[in-house]
Amino acid sequence: RSMESVIEQYLNVVKPMFLQFVEPSKRYADIVIPQGGLNDVAIVYKIKT
């Protein structure tokens, strides 16, 4: 795939679906881990609790 097609898919499909479905559901979460799986401190904290 070309870089252009990846960017086009992200802008036209991935980002709009994220904004429509994922982002609004964060308000129902018990915990939101900033930086996702890259936040080792938050992950260790969550595993211990």
N, C-alpha and C. Protein backbone atom coordinates (compact mmCIF):
# COMPACT_ATOMS: atom_id res chain seq x y z
N ARG A 1 0.84 -1.19 0.00
CA ARG A 1 0.00 0.00 0.00
C ARG A 1 0.87 1.23 0.00
N SER A 2 0.35 2.22 -0.63
CA SER A 2 1.09 3.49 -0.65
C SER A 2 0.79 4.28 0.62
N MET A 3 1.68 5.18 0.95
CA MET A 3 1.48 6.04 2.12
C MET A 3 0.22 6.87 1.94
N GLU A 4 -0.03 7.31 0.73
CA GLU A 4 -1.23 8.11 0.45
C GLU A 4 -2.51 7.32 0.75
N SER A 5 -2.53 6.03 0.38
CA SER A 5 -3.74 5.24 0.63
C SER A 5 -3.93 5.00 2.13
N VAL A 6 -2.84 4.83 2.85
CA VAL A 6 -2.94 4.65 4.30
C VAL A 6 -3.49 5.92 4.96
N ILE A 7 -2.97 7.06 4.57
CA ILE A 7 -3.44 8.34 5.13
C ILE A 7 -4.90 8.57 4.75
N GLU A 8 -5.25 8.27 3.52
CA GLU A 8 -6.63 8.45 3.07
C GLU A 8 -7.59 7.57 3.88
N GLN A 9 -7.22 6.30 4.09
CA GLN A 9 -8.07 5.42 4.88
C GLN A 9 -8.19 5.91 6.32
N TYR A 10 -7.08 6.35 6.89
CA TYR A 10 -7.11 6.87 8.26
C TYR A 10 -8.06 8.06 8.36
N LEU A 11 -7.90 9.01 7.45
CA LEU A 11 -8.71 10.24 7.52
C LEU A 11 -10.18 10.00 7.18
N ASN A 12 -10.45 9.07 6.27
CA ASN A 12 -11.83 8.87 5.81
C ASN A 12 -12.59 7.78 6.54
N VAL A 13 -11.88 6.87 7.21
CA VAL A 13 -12.56 5.74 7.86
C VAL A 13 -12.18 5.63 9.34
N VAL A 14 -10.91 5.48 9.61
CA VAL A 14 -10.46 5.18 10.97
C VAL A 14 -10.78 6.32 11.94
N LYS A 15 -10.33 7.51 11.63
CA LYS A 15 -10.54 8.64 12.54
C LYS A 15 -12.01 8.95 12.76
N PRO A 16 -12.84 9.00 11.71
CA PRO A 16 -14.27 9.26 11.94
C PRO A 16 -14.94 8.19 12.81
N MET A 17 -14.59 6.92 12.61
CA MET A 17 -15.18 5.85 13.42
C MET A 17 -14.70 5.94 14.87
N PHE A 18 -13.43 6.28 15.05
CA PHE A 18 -12.91 6.49 16.41
C PHE A 18 -13.69 7.60 17.10
N LEU A 19 -13.85 8.71 16.41
CA LEU A 19 -14.55 9.85 17.00
C LEU A 19 -16.02 9.55 17.27
N GLN A 20 -16.62 8.72 16.43
CA GLN A 20 -18.04 8.41 16.60
C GLN A 20 -18.29 7.36 17.68
N PHE A 21 -17.43 6.36 17.77
CA PHE A 21 -17.72 5.23 18.66
C PHE A 21 -16.77 5.10 19.85
N VAL A 22 -15.49 5.25 19.66
CA VAL A 22 -14.53 4.98 20.73
C VAL A 22 -14.43 6.15 21.70
N GLU A 23 -14.17 7.31 21.18
CA GLU A 23 -14.00 8.49 22.04
C GLU A 23 -15.19 8.73 22.97
N PRO A 24 -16.45 8.69 22.48
CA PRO A 24 -17.58 8.92 23.39
C PRO A 24 -17.72 7.85 24.48
N SER A 25 -17.26 6.62 24.20
CA SER A 25 -17.43 5.55 25.18
C SER A 25 -16.46 5.67 26.35
N LYS A 26 -15.45 6.53 26.24
CA LYS A 26 -14.50 6.70 27.34
C LYS A 26 -15.18 7.16 28.63
N ARG A 27 -16.29 7.86 28.51
CA ARG A 27 -16.96 8.36 29.72
C ARG A 27 -17.57 7.23 30.55
N TYR A 28 -17.74 6.05 29.95
CA TYR A 28 -18.28 4.91 30.68
C TYR A 28 -17.19 4.02 31.26
N ALA A 29 -15.94 4.31 30.97
CA ALA A 29 -14.84 3.47 31.43
C ALA A 29 -14.54 3.72 32.90
N ASP A 30 -14.15 2.68 33.60
CA ASP A 30 -13.70 2.82 34.98
C ASP A 30 -12.34 3.48 35.04
N ILE A 31 -11.49 3.20 34.05
CA ILE A 31 -10.16 3.79 33.99
C ILE A 31 -9.77 3.94 32.53
N VAL A 32 -9.13 5.06 32.23
CA VAL A 32 -8.59 5.31 30.89
C VAL A 32 -7.09 5.43 31.05
N ILE A 33 -6.35 4.60 30.33
CA ILE A 33 -4.89 4.61 30.43
C ILE A 33 -4.33 5.49 29.33
N PRO A 34 -3.77 6.65 29.71
CA PRO A 34 -3.16 7.52 28.71
C PRO A 34 -2.03 6.80 27.99
N GLN A 35 -1.87 7.04 26.73
CA GLN A 35 -0.84 6.45 25.89
C GLN A 35 -1.06 4.96 25.67
N GLY A 36 -2.23 4.46 25.97
CA GLY A 36 -2.55 3.06 25.71
C GLY A 36 -1.55 2.08 26.31
N GLY A 37 -1.13 1.10 25.52
CA GLY A 37 -0.23 0.07 25.99
C GLY A 37 1.18 0.52 26.23
N LEU A 38 1.49 1.78 25.96
CA LEU A 38 2.85 2.28 26.16
C LEU A 38 3.05 2.90 27.54
N ASN A 39 2.02 2.94 28.35
CA ASN A 39 2.09 3.56 29.67
C ASN A 39 2.31 2.47 30.71
N ASP A 40 3.59 2.10 30.93
CA ASP A 40 3.92 1.00 31.83
C ASP A 40 3.46 1.24 33.26
N VAL A 41 3.58 2.45 33.75
CA VAL A 41 3.18 2.75 35.13
C VAL A 41 1.69 2.49 35.33
N ALA A 42 0.87 2.95 34.42
CA ALA A 42 -0.58 2.75 34.54
C ALA A 42 -0.95 1.28 34.40
N ILE A 43 -0.28 0.56 33.54
CA ILE A 43 -0.57 -0.86 33.36
C ILE A 43 -0.21 -1.64 34.62
N VAL A 44 0.95 -1.38 35.17
CA VAL A 44 1.35 -2.07 36.40
C VAL A 44 0.38 -1.73 37.53
N TYR A 45 -0.02 -0.48 37.64
CA TYR A 45 -0.99 -0.07 38.66
C TYR A 45 -2.29 -0.84 38.50
N LYS A 46 -2.78 -0.94 37.28
CA LYS A 46 -4.05 -1.62 37.02
C LYS A 46 -3.95 -3.10 37.32
N ILE A 47 -2.83 -3.70 37.00
CA ILE A 47 -2.65 -5.13 37.27
C ILE A 47 -2.65 -5.39 38.77
N LYS A 48 -2.07 -4.49 39.55
CA LYS A 48 -1.97 -4.68 41.01
C LYS A 48 -3.28 -4.40 41.72
N THR A 49 -4.19 -3.65 41.12
CA THR A 49 -5.44 -3.30 41.81
C THR A 49 -6.59 -4.15 41.35
